[in-house]
Amino acid sequence: MGGASLDEFLNCIVVLDTRSPYVYIGTLENHDDMFITLRDAMVHDCTESPITREQYVTEVKKLGPRVSRKRIKVKNAEIISLSRLDDVVAA
């Protein structure tokens, strides 16, 4: 996922969907060929929740993020998609 195209997401709150059951939400601080770095982030394990990934992200959009990590790095190879939290459509 590295590359200059991610620069448009810098300093935005983003949602990272991954190959794992985890979803990450935080402010995109940095990116390179190996990792995306989020600050003021939250990590959610979808296997430990009765709601779907989409329901969880929509809930965060409505209520706002609850920061649980000052900074995290996520391997680019694990990321399926990246979007701004502002671009999530809350029903």
C-alpha atoms as a PDB file:
ATOM      1  CA  MET A   1       0.000   0.000   0.000  1.00  0.00           C
ATOM      2  CA  GLY A   2       2.948   2.397   0.081  1.00  0.00           C
ATOM      3  CA  GLY A   3       3.368   5.169  -2.446  1.00  0.00           C
ATOM      4  CA  ALA A   4       2.729   8.834  -3.024  1.00  0.00           C
ATOM      5  CA  SER A   5      -1.027   8.336  -3.522  1.00  0.00           C
ATOM      6  CA  LEU A   6      -1.410   7.839   0.230  1.00  0.00           C
ATOM      7  CA  ASP A   7      -0.142  11.377   0.847  1.00  0.00           C
ATOM      8  CA  GLU A   8      -3.690  12.661   0.326  1.00  0.00           C
ATOM      9  CA  PHE A   9      -4.686  10.720   3.463  1.00  0.00           C
ATOM     10  CA  LEU A  10      -1.934  12.145   5.713  1.00  0.00           C
ATOM     11  CA  ASN A  11      -3.319  13.651   8.930  1.00  0.00           C
ATOM     12  CA  CYS A  12      -6.798  12.255   8.190  1.00  0.00           C
ATOM     13  CA  ILE A  13      -8.597   9.708  10.355  1.00  0.00           C
ATOM     14  CA  VAL A  14      -8.609   6.515   8.306  1.00  0.00           C
ATOM     15  CA  VAL A  15     -10.050   3.009   8.516  1.00  0.00           C
ATOM     16  CA  LEU A  16      -7.724   0.118   7.647  1.00  0.00           C
ATOM     17  CA  ASP A  17      -9.446  -3.144   6.762  1.00  0.00           C
ATOM     18  CA  THR A  18      -7.031  -6.055   6.954  1.00  0.00           C
ATOM     19  CA  ARG A  19      -6.765  -9.716   6.007  1.00  0.00           C
ATOM     20  CA  SER A  20      -6.908 -10.493   9.715  1.00  0.00           C
ATOM     21  CA  PRO A  21     -10.018 -10.070  11.883  1.00  0.00           C
ATOM     22  CA  TYR A  22      -8.664  -6.694  13.016  1.00  0.00           C
ATOM     23  CA  VAL A  23      -9.778  -3.263  11.871  1.00  0.00           C
ATOM     24  CA  TYR A  24      -7.650  -0.210  12.667  1.00  0.00           C
ATOM     25  CA  ILE A  25      -8.873   3.369  12.911  1.00  0.00           C
ATOM     26  CA  GLY A  26      -6.559   6.308  13.509  1.00  0.00           C
ATOM     27  CA  THR A  27      -4.855   9.340  12.046  1.00  0.00           C
ATOM     28  CA  LEU A  28      -2.497   8.483   9.194  1.00  0.00           C
ATOM     29  CA  GLU A  29       0.851   9.788  10.359  1.00  0.00           C
ATOM     30  CA  ASN A  30       3.278   8.162   7.936  1.00  0.00           C
ATOM     31  CA  HIS A  31       3.650   5.473   5.282  1.00  0.00           C
ATOM     32  CA  ASP A  32       6.500   3.709   3.525  1.00  0.00           C
ATOM     33  CA  ASP A  33       7.050   0.530   1.521  1.00  0.00           C
ATOM     34  CA  MET A  34       6.555  -1.699   4.592  1.00  0.00           C
ATOM     35  CA  PHE A  35       4.205  -0.004   7.063  1.00  0.00           C
ATOM     36  CA  ILE A  36       1.431   2.489   7.580  1.00  0.00           C
ATOM     37  CA  THR A  37       1.727   4.364  10.868  1.00  0.00           C
ATOM     38  CA  LEU A  38      -1.382   5.561  12.681  1.00  0.00           C
ATOM     39  CA  ARG A  39      -1.437   7.843  15.716  1.00  0.00           C
ATOM     40  CA  ASP A  40      -4.269   8.214  18.223  1.00  0.00           C
ATOM     41  CA  ALA A  41      -5.512   4.844  17.025  1.00  0.00           C
ATOM     42  CA  MET A  42      -7.935   2.138  18.005  1.00  0.00           C
ATOM     43  CA  VAL A  43      -7.739  -1.575  17.255  1.00  0.00           C
ATOM     44  CA  HIS A  44     -10.827  -3.758  17.067  1.00  0.00           C
ATOM     45  CA  ASP A  45     -10.845  -7.562  16.933  1.00  0.00           C
ATOM     46  CA  CYS A  46     -13.981  -8.495  15.007  1.00  0.00           C
ATOM     47  CA  THR A  47     -13.958 -12.033  16.420  1.00  0.00           C
ATOM     48  CA  GLU A  48     -14.607 -10.632  19.900  1.00  0.00           C
ATOM     49  CA  SER A  49     -17.682  -8.649  18.912  1.00  0.00           C
ATOM     50  CA  PRO A  50     -21.284  -9.586  18.151  1.00  0.00           C
ATOM     51  CA  ILE A  51     -21.501  -6.858  15.483  1.00  0.00           C
ATOM     52  CA  THR A  52     -20.052  -6.954  11.960  1.00  0.00           C
ATOM     53  CA  ARG A  53     -16.986  -5.015  10.866  1.00  0.00           C
ATOM     54  CA  GLU A  54     -19.200  -2.603   8.915  1.00  0.00           C
ATOM     55  CA  GLN A  55     -21.507  -2.050  11.892  1.00  0.00           C
ATOM     56  CA  TYR A  56     -18.495  -1.354  14.097  1.00  0.00           C
ATOM     57  CA  VAL A  57     -16.999   1.199  11.694  1.00  0.00           C
ATOM     58  CA  THR A  58     -20.379   2.892  11.278  1.00  0.00           C
ATOM     59  CA  GLU A  59     -20.711   3.100  15.067  1.00  0.00           C
ATOM     60  CA  VAL A  60     -17.254   4.706  15.340  1.00  0.00           C
ATOM     61  CA  LYS A  61     -18.271   7.181  12.635  1.00  0.00           C
ATOM     62  CA  LYS A  62     -21.368   8.157  14.655  1.00  0.00           C
ATOM     63  CA  LEU A  63     -19.766   8.221  18.129  1.00  0.00           C
ATOM     64  CA  GLY A  64     -16.178   9.154  17.284  1.00  0.00           C
ATOM     65  CA  PRO A  65     -13.000   7.116  17.784  1.00  0.00           C
ATOM     66  CA  ARG A  66     -11.988   5.895  21.243  1.00  0.00           C
ATOM     67  CA  VAL A  67      -8.209   6.032  21.241  1.00  0.00           C
ATOM     68  CA  SER A  68      -6.481   2.997  22.746  1.00  0.00           C
ATOM     69  CA  ARG A  69      -3.002   3.371  21.190  1.00  0.00           C
ATOM     70  CA  LYS A  70      -0.769   6.433  20.837  1.00  0.00           C
ATOM     71  CA  ARG A  71       0.885   4.959  17.746  1.00  0.00           C
ATOM     72  CA  ILE A  72       0.692   1.718  15.774  1.00  0.00           C
ATOM     73  CA  LYS A  73       2.291   0.343  12.633  1.00  0.00           C
ATOM     74  CA  VAL A  74       0.374  -1.960  10.304  1.00  0.00           C
ATOM     75  CA  LYS A  75       2.151  -3.995   7.630  1.00  0.00           C
ATOM     76  CA  ASN A  76       1.097  -2.939   4.145  1.00  0.00           C
ATOM     77  CA  ALA A  77       0.836  -6.600   3.106  1.00  0.00           C
ATOM     78  CA  GLU A  78      -2.015  -7.075   5.620  1.00  0.00           C
ATOM     79  CA  ILE A  79      -4.107  -4.146   4.415  1.00  0.00           C
ATOM     80  CA  ILE A  80      -7.041  -4.844   2.101  1.00  0.00           C
ATOM     81  CA  SER A  81      -8.429  -1.313   1.971  1.00  0.00           C
ATOM     82  CA  LEU A  82      -7.967   2.159   3.378  1.00  0.00           C
ATOM     83  CA  SER A  83     -10.599   4.883   3.531  1.00  0.00           C
ATOM     84  CA  ARG A  84     -11.202   8.104   5.390  1.00  0.00           C
ATOM     85  CA  LEU A  85     -13.564   7.732   8.318  1.00  0.00           C
ATOM     86  CA  ASP A  86     -15.363  10.783   6.888  1.00  0.00           C
ATOM     87  CA  ASP A  87     -16.100   8.729   3.753  1.00  0.00           C
ATOM     88  CA  VAL A  88     -17.947   6.026   5.701  1.00  0.00           C
ATOM     89  CA  VAL A  89     -21.658   6.220   5.004  1.00  0.00           C
ATOM     90  CA  ALA A  90     -23.566   5.975   8.277  1.00  0.00           C
ATOM     91  CA  ALA A  91     -27.115   4.718   7.802  1.00  0.00           C
END
